[in-house]
Amino acid sequence: MRRLREALVKLVSVVGVPKPLEAVFCMGEVEREEDKDYSFSREHWQSGEENKKRGEQWLAQIYRHNDNKTKDMMAAHKDLRWLSVEITYGLYLSDHTILDGIDTELVVLSGIMLQNLPRETGWHLRGIRRIGVSFENVELIQQCIEKVAAFCGLQLTRVPRVKDIEHEVDESTSSG
C-alpha cells in the first residue's frame, strides 16, 4: 500500500490532485484493515537548498544537456521553472525513499503519456532510457500504457514511440 500510495503522490505533480485523491478514496472503500499503512512519509519535508539540489540532480539524470533547452523555453515563465525544480522534481520526483528512480519514471511516463502529451512523453521516454531501462523494455512499457489507455477509452494519437527518440538518448548524438 505504501508503494501504491507513493505512486499516487508522485502522480499529483503530473496530473493534479483530484484523480490520485479519488483513487485513494476508492482504494479505501475496498482496503482491508490489515492492508492499511498509516505511515506518513512526508512528515519532515521541507523546501530549501537541499531539496533544490536533489531536484536539480534528478533533472540532470533525466534531461542531461537537454535541460538547457527546457530552461530556455521557460525563461519568460520563471515561476514554472521554479515549480519544476523545487516542487515537481525537488519534493516529488527526486524522493526515492519508497519508489526508486526507475519506478518513479514509470509513474511519470505513464501519467504523462495517458494525457497524450507528445513533447513531455518524448522527454520521459528519453529519460527512462537514460536511467538504464533497455530499449526493448521501454517499448513493452509503452505497449502496456497503450493497453491501459484503450481500456480507459483513451486514444494515444500524438505520442512518439521509443524508436522516435532513441537517437536523443546518448548525449553525443542528441540535438535537442
C-alpha atoms as a PDB file:
ATOM      1  CA  MET A   1       0.000   0.000   0.000  1.00  0.00           C
ATOM      2  CA  ARG A   2       2.863   2.364   0.780  1.00  0.00           C
ATOM      3  CA  ARG A   3       4.316   1.934  -2.733  1.00  0.00           C
ATOM      4  CA  LEU A   4       0.909   2.373  -4.345  1.00  0.00           C
ATOM      5  CA  ARG A   5       0.251   5.475  -2.260  1.00  0.00           C
ATOM      6  CA  GLU A   6       3.697   6.804  -3.220  1.00  0.00           C
ATOM      7  CA  ALA A   7       2.915   6.338  -6.904  1.00  0.00           C
ATOM      8  CA  LEU A   8      -0.307   8.308  -6.417  1.00  0.00           C
ATOM      9  CA  VAL A   9       1.519  11.067  -4.527  1.00  0.00           C
ATOM     10  CA  LYS A  10       4.049  11.367  -7.348  1.00  0.00           C
ATOM     11  CA  LEU A  11       1.223  11.494  -9.883  1.00  0.00           C
ATOM     12  CA  VAL A  12      -0.076  14.658  -8.191  1.00  0.00           C
ATOM     13  CA  SER A  13       2.796  16.566  -9.790  1.00  0.00           C
ATOM     14  CA  VAL A  14       1.953  15.109 -13.205  1.00  0.00           C
ATOM     15  CA  VAL A  15      -1.866  15.003 -13.341  1.00  0.00           C
ATOM     16  CA  GLY A  16      -3.019  17.170 -10.434  1.00  0.00           C
ATOM     17  CA  VAL A  17      -4.675  16.299  -7.135  1.00  0.00           C
ATOM     18  CA  PRO A  18      -8.231  15.126  -7.996  1.00  0.00           C
ATOM     19  CA  LYS A  19      -7.504  11.827  -9.762  1.00  0.00           C
ATOM     20  CA  PRO A  20      -4.944  10.475  -7.255  1.00  0.00           C
ATOM     21  CA  LEU A  21      -7.234  11.597  -4.420  1.00  0.00           C
ATOM     22  CA  GLU A  22     -10.186   9.781  -5.982  1.00  0.00           C
ATOM     23  CA  ALA A  23      -8.007   6.668  -6.366  1.00  0.00           C
ATOM     24  CA  VAL A  24      -7.147   6.818  -2.646  1.00  0.00           C
ATOM     25  CA  PHE A  25     -10.836   7.115  -1.756  1.00  0.00           C
ATOM     26  CA  CYS A  26     -11.717   4.142  -3.989  1.00  0.00           C
ATOM     27  CA  MET A  27      -8.891   2.053  -2.512  1.00  0.00           C
ATOM     28  CA  GLY A  28     -10.115   2.931   0.973  1.00  0.00           C
ATOM     29  CA  GLU A  29     -13.540   1.512   0.161  1.00  0.00           C
ATOM     30  CA  VAL A  30     -12.114  -1.972  -0.536  1.00  0.00           C
ATOM     31  CA  GLU A  31      -8.944  -1.986   1.567  1.00  0.00           C
ATOM     32  CA  ARG A  32      -8.840  -4.470   4.444  1.00  0.00           C
ATOM     33  CA  GLU A  33      -7.688  -3.183   7.837  1.00  0.00           C
ATOM     34  CA  GLU A  34      -4.585  -5.406   7.793  1.00  0.00           C
ATOM     35  CA  ASP A  35      -3.543  -3.853   4.473  1.00  0.00           C
ATOM     36  CA  LYS A  36      -3.743  -0.245   5.662  1.00  0.00           C
ATOM     37  CA  ASP A  37      -0.499   1.658   6.056  1.00  0.00           C
ATOM     38  CA  TYR A  38      -0.726   4.562   8.469  1.00  0.00           C
ATOM     39  CA  SER A  39       2.835   5.795   7.934  1.00  0.00           C
ATOM     40  CA  PHE A  40       3.438   9.401   6.897  1.00  0.00           C
ATOM     41  CA  SER A  41       6.418   9.583   4.555  1.00  0.00           C
ATOM     42  CA  ARG A  42       6.450  13.367   4.130  1.00  0.00           C
ATOM     43  CA  GLU A  43       6.146  14.372   7.751  1.00  0.00           C
ATOM     44  CA  HIS A  44       9.521  16.122   7.715  1.00  0.00           C
ATOM     45  CA  TRP A  45       9.529  17.503   4.170  1.00  0.00           C
ATOM     46  CA  GLN A  46      10.892  20.997   3.758  1.00  0.00           C
ATOM     47  CA  SER A  47      11.694  23.102   0.782  1.00  0.00           C
ATOM     48  CA  GLY A  48      15.165  24.571   0.798  1.00  0.00           C
ATOM     49  CA  GLU A  49      18.652  24.321  -0.649  1.00  0.00           C
ATOM     50  CA  GLU A  50      18.988  20.558  -0.095  1.00  0.00           C
ATOM     51  CA  ASN A  51      15.628  19.973  -1.771  1.00  0.00           C
ATOM     52  CA  LYS A  52      16.571  22.203  -4.697  1.00  0.00           C
ATOM     53  CA  LYS A  53      19.901  20.400  -5.121  1.00  0.00           C
ATOM     54  CA  ARG A  54      18.193  16.989  -5.118  1.00  0.00           C
ATOM     55  CA  GLY A  55      15.714  18.235  -7.741  1.00  0.00           C
ATOM     56  CA  GLU A  56      18.500  19.589  -9.934  1.00  0.00           C
ATOM     57  CA  GLN A  57      20.433  16.307  -9.657  1.00  0.00           C
ATOM     58  CA  TRP A  58      17.404  14.243 -10.702  1.00  0.00           C
ATOM     59  CA  LEU A  59      16.638  16.666 -13.544  1.00  0.00           C
ATOM     60  CA  ALA A  60      20.254  16.253 -14.695  1.00  0.00           C
ATOM     61  CA  GLN A  61      19.889  12.464 -14.795  1.00  0.00           C
ATOM     62  CA  ILE A  62      16.641  12.525 -16.756  1.00  0.00           C
ATOM     63  CA  TYR A  63      17.248  15.505 -19.060  1.00  0.00           C
ATOM     64  CA  ARG A  64      21.059  15.807 -19.108  1.00  0.00           C
ATOM     65  CA  HIS A  65      22.131  18.509 -21.582  1.00  0.00           C
ATOM     66  CA  ASN A  66      18.566  18.819 -22.937  1.00  0.00           C
ATOM     67  CA  ASP A  67      17.558  20.658 -19.763  1.00  0.00           C
ATOM     68  CA  ASN A  68      19.217  23.822 -21.123  1.00  0.00           C
ATOM     69  CA  LYS A  69      16.637  23.919 -23.926  1.00  0.00           C
ATOM     70  CA  THR A  70      13.807  23.378 -21.436  1.00  0.00           C
ATOM     71  CA  LYS A  71      15.239  26.105 -19.216  1.00  0.00           C
ATOM     72  CA  ASP A  72      15.362  28.463 -22.209  1.00  0.00           C
ATOM     73  CA  MET A  73      11.744  27.639 -23.068  1.00  0.00           C
ATOM     74  CA  MET A  74      10.781  28.742 -19.543  1.00  0.00           C
ATOM     75  CA  ALA A  75      12.900  31.902 -19.500  1.00  0.00           C
ATOM     76  CA  ALA A  76       9.801  34.107 -19.633  1.00  0.00           C
ATOM     77  CA  HIS A  77       7.990  31.829 -17.170  1.00  0.00           C
ATOM     78  CA  LYS A  78      10.348  31.638 -14.213  1.00  0.00           C
ATOM     79  CA  ASP A  79       7.577  30.651 -11.789  1.00  0.00           C
ATOM     80  CA  LEU A  80       7.047  27.418 -13.718  1.00  0.00           C
ATOM     81  CA  ARG A  81      10.781  26.679 -13.809  1.00  0.00           C
ATOM     82  CA  TRP A  82      10.901  27.212 -10.042  1.00  0.00           C
ATOM     83  CA  LEU A  83       7.898  24.916  -9.630  1.00  0.00           C
ATOM     84  CA  SER A  84       9.613  22.250 -11.752  1.00  0.00           C
ATOM     85  CA  VAL A  85      12.940  22.356  -9.888  1.00  0.00           C
ATOM     86  CA  GLU A  86      11.777  22.985  -6.323  1.00  0.00           C
ATOM     87  CA  ILE A  87       8.446  21.175  -6.172  1.00  0.00           C
ATOM     88  CA  THR A  88       7.915  18.706  -9.032  1.00  0.00           C
ATOM     89  CA  TYR A  89      11.477  17.380  -9.038  1.00  0.00           C
ATOM     90  CA  GLY A  90      12.718  18.622  -5.663  1.00  0.00           C
ATOM     91  CA  LEU A  91       9.887  17.430  -3.450  1.00  0.00           C
ATOM     92  CA  TYR A  92       8.140  14.772  -5.505  1.00  0.00           C
ATOM     93  CA  LEU A  93      10.171  13.073  -8.204  1.00  0.00           C
ATOM     94  CA  SER A  94      13.660  13.045  -6.691  1.00  0.00           C
ATOM     95  CA  ASP A  95      12.453  11.478  -3.437  1.00  0.00           C
ATOM     96  CA  HIS A  96      13.409   7.827  -3.917  1.00  0.00           C
ATOM     97  CA  THR A  97      12.899   6.614  -0.360  1.00  0.00           C
ATOM     98  CA  ILE A  98       9.881   4.461  -1.323  1.00  0.00           C
ATOM     99  CA  LEU A  99       9.994   4.254  -5.127  1.00  0.00           C
ATOM    100  CA  ASP A 100      13.395   4.235  -6.804  1.00  0.00           C
ATOM    101  CA  GLY A 101      14.256   6.244  -9.895  1.00  0.00           C
ATOM    102  CA  ILE A 102      13.012   3.669 -12.376  1.00  0.00           C
ATOM    103  CA  ASP A 103       9.720   3.194 -10.530  1.00  0.00           C
ATOM    104  CA  THR A 104       9.350   6.969 -10.403  1.00  0.00           C
ATOM    105  CA  GLU A 105       9.923   7.316 -14.139  1.00  0.00           C
ATOM    106  CA  LEU A 106       7.373   4.549 -14.768  1.00  0.00           C
ATOM    107  CA  VAL A 107       4.803   6.589 -12.847  1.00  0.00           C
ATOM    108  CA  VAL A 108       5.749   9.835 -14.601  1.00  0.00           C
ATOM    109  CA  LEU A 109       5.864   8.343 -18.095  1.00  0.00           C
ATOM    110  CA  SER A 110       2.502   6.638 -17.601  1.00  0.00           C
ATOM    111  CA  GLY A 111       0.852   9.754 -16.193  1.00  0.00           C
ATOM    112  CA  ILE A 112       2.138  11.959 -18.995  1.00  0.00           C
ATOM    113  CA  MET A 113       1.602   9.513 -21.844  1.00  0.00           C
ATOM    114  CA  LEU A 114      -2.014   8.854 -20.799  1.00  0.00           C
ATOM    115  CA  GLN A 115      -2.617  12.578 -21.283  1.00  0.00           C
ATOM    116  CA  ASN A 116      -1.486  12.199 -24.916  1.00  0.00           C
ATOM    117  CA  LEU A 117       1.235  14.836 -24.479  1.00  0.00           C
ATOM    118  CA  PRO A 118       3.813  14.366 -27.259  1.00  0.00           C
ATOM    119  CA  ARG A 119       6.673  16.609 -26.106  1.00  0.00           C
ATOM    120  CA  GLU A 120       6.671  15.527 -22.472  1.00  0.00           C
ATOM    121  CA  THR A 121       6.161  11.855 -23.391  1.00  0.00           C
ATOM    122  CA  GLY A 122       9.247  12.093 -25.588  1.00  0.00           C
ATOM    123  CA  TRP A 123      11.233  13.668 -22.777  1.00  0.00           C
ATOM    124  CA  HIS A 124      10.336  10.870 -20.381  1.00  0.00           C
ATOM    125  CA  LEU A 125      10.796   8.067 -22.911  1.00  0.00           C
ATOM    126  CA  ARG A 126      14.283   9.513 -23.334  1.00  0.00           C
ATOM    127  CA  GLY A 127      14.673   9.914 -19.561  1.00  0.00           C
ATOM    128  CA  ILE A 128      13.752   6.352 -18.683  1.00  0.00           C
ATOM    129  CA  ARG A 129      16.222   5.124 -21.299  1.00  0.00           C
ATOM    130  CA  ARG A 130      18.894   7.369 -19.783  1.00  0.00           C
ATOM    131  CA  ILE A 131      18.493   5.841 -16.337  1.00  0.00           C
ATOM    132  CA  GLY A 132      19.126   2.355 -17.658  1.00  0.00           C
ATOM    133  CA  VAL A 133      15.887   0.785 -18.919  1.00  0.00           C
ATOM    134  CA  SER A 134      16.541  -1.042 -22.178  1.00  0.00           C
ATOM    135  CA  PHE A 135      15.012  -0.026 -25.485  1.00  0.00           C
ATOM    136  CA  GLU A 136      13.064  -3.312 -25.609  1.00  0.00           C
ATOM    137  CA  ASN A 137      11.669  -2.885 -22.095  1.00  0.00           C
ATOM    138  CA  VAL A 138      10.640   0.720 -22.742  1.00  0.00           C
ATOM    139  CA  GLU A 139       8.800  -0.441 -25.858  1.00  0.00           C
ATOM    140  CA  LEU A 140       6.981  -3.070 -23.749  1.00  0.00           C
ATOM    141  CA  ILE A 141       6.173  -0.448 -21.114  1.00  0.00           C
ATOM    142  CA  GLN A 142       4.773   1.816 -23.807  1.00  0.00           C
ATOM    143  CA  GLN A 143       2.616  -1.023 -25.136  1.00  0.00           C
ATOM    144  CA  CYS A 144       1.264  -1.654 -21.614  1.00  0.00           C
ATOM    145  CA  ILE A 145       0.415   2.033 -21.206  1.00  0.00           C
ATOM    146  CA  GLU A 146      -1.399   1.896 -24.541  1.00  0.00           C
ATOM    147  CA  LYS A 147      -3.427  -1.098 -23.318  1.00  0.00           C
ATOM    148  CA  VAL A 148      -4.401   0.801 -20.169  1.00  0.00           C
ATOM    149  CA  ALA A 149      -5.360   3.804 -22.316  1.00  0.00           C
ATOM    150  CA  ALA A 150      -7.527   1.620 -24.568  1.00  0.00           C
ATOM    151  CA  PHE A 151      -9.199   0.061 -21.522  1.00  0.00           C
ATOM    152  CA  CYS A 152     -10.000   3.573 -20.280  1.00  0.00           C
ATOM    153  CA  GLY A 153     -11.350   4.606 -23.672  1.00  0.00           C
ATOM    154  CA  LEU A 154      -8.424   6.911 -24.429  1.00  0.00           C
ATOM    155  CA  GLN A 155      -6.651   7.183 -27.755  1.00  0.00           C
ATOM    156  CA  LEU A 156      -2.949   7.992 -27.740  1.00  0.00           C
ATOM    157  CA  THR A 157      -2.647   9.570 -31.163  1.00  0.00           C
ATOM    158  CA  ARG A 158       0.039  12.179 -30.534  1.00  0.00           C
ATOM    159  CA  VAL A 159       2.784  10.452 -28.521  1.00  0.00           C
ATOM    160  CA  PRO A 160       6.102   9.336 -30.007  1.00  0.00           C
ATOM    161  CA  ARG A 161       7.390   5.773 -29.827  1.00  0.00           C
ATOM    162  CA  VAL A 162      10.630   4.961 -28.109  1.00  0.00           C
ATOM    163  CA  LYS A 163      12.242   4.394 -31.548  1.00  0.00           C
ATOM    164  CA  ASP A 164      11.407   8.032 -32.387  1.00  0.00           C
ATOM    165  CA  ILE A 165      13.505   9.391 -29.503  1.00  0.00           C
ATOM    166  CA  GLU A 166      16.235   6.749 -29.359  1.00  0.00           C
ATOM    167  CA  HIS A 167      18.687   8.931 -31.269  1.00  0.00           C
ATOM    168  CA  GLU A 168      18.379  11.527 -28.459  1.00  0.00           C
ATOM    169  CA  VAL A 169      19.255   9.191 -25.565  1.00  0.00           C
ATOM    170  CA  ASP A 170      23.022   9.470 -25.914  1.00  0.00           C
ATOM    171  CA  GLU A 171      24.354  12.999 -25.399  1.00  0.00           C
ATOM    172  CA  SER A 172      26.810  12.713 -28.253  1.00  0.00           C
ATOM    173  CA  THR A 173      24.037  12.090 -30.831  1.00  0.00           C
ATOM    174  CA  SER A 174      21.282  14.331 -29.482  1.00  0.00           C
ATOM    175  CA  SER A 175      20.405  17.714 -30.875  1.00  0.00           C
ATOM    176  CA  GLY A 176      17.613  18.934 -28.633  1.00  0.00           C
END
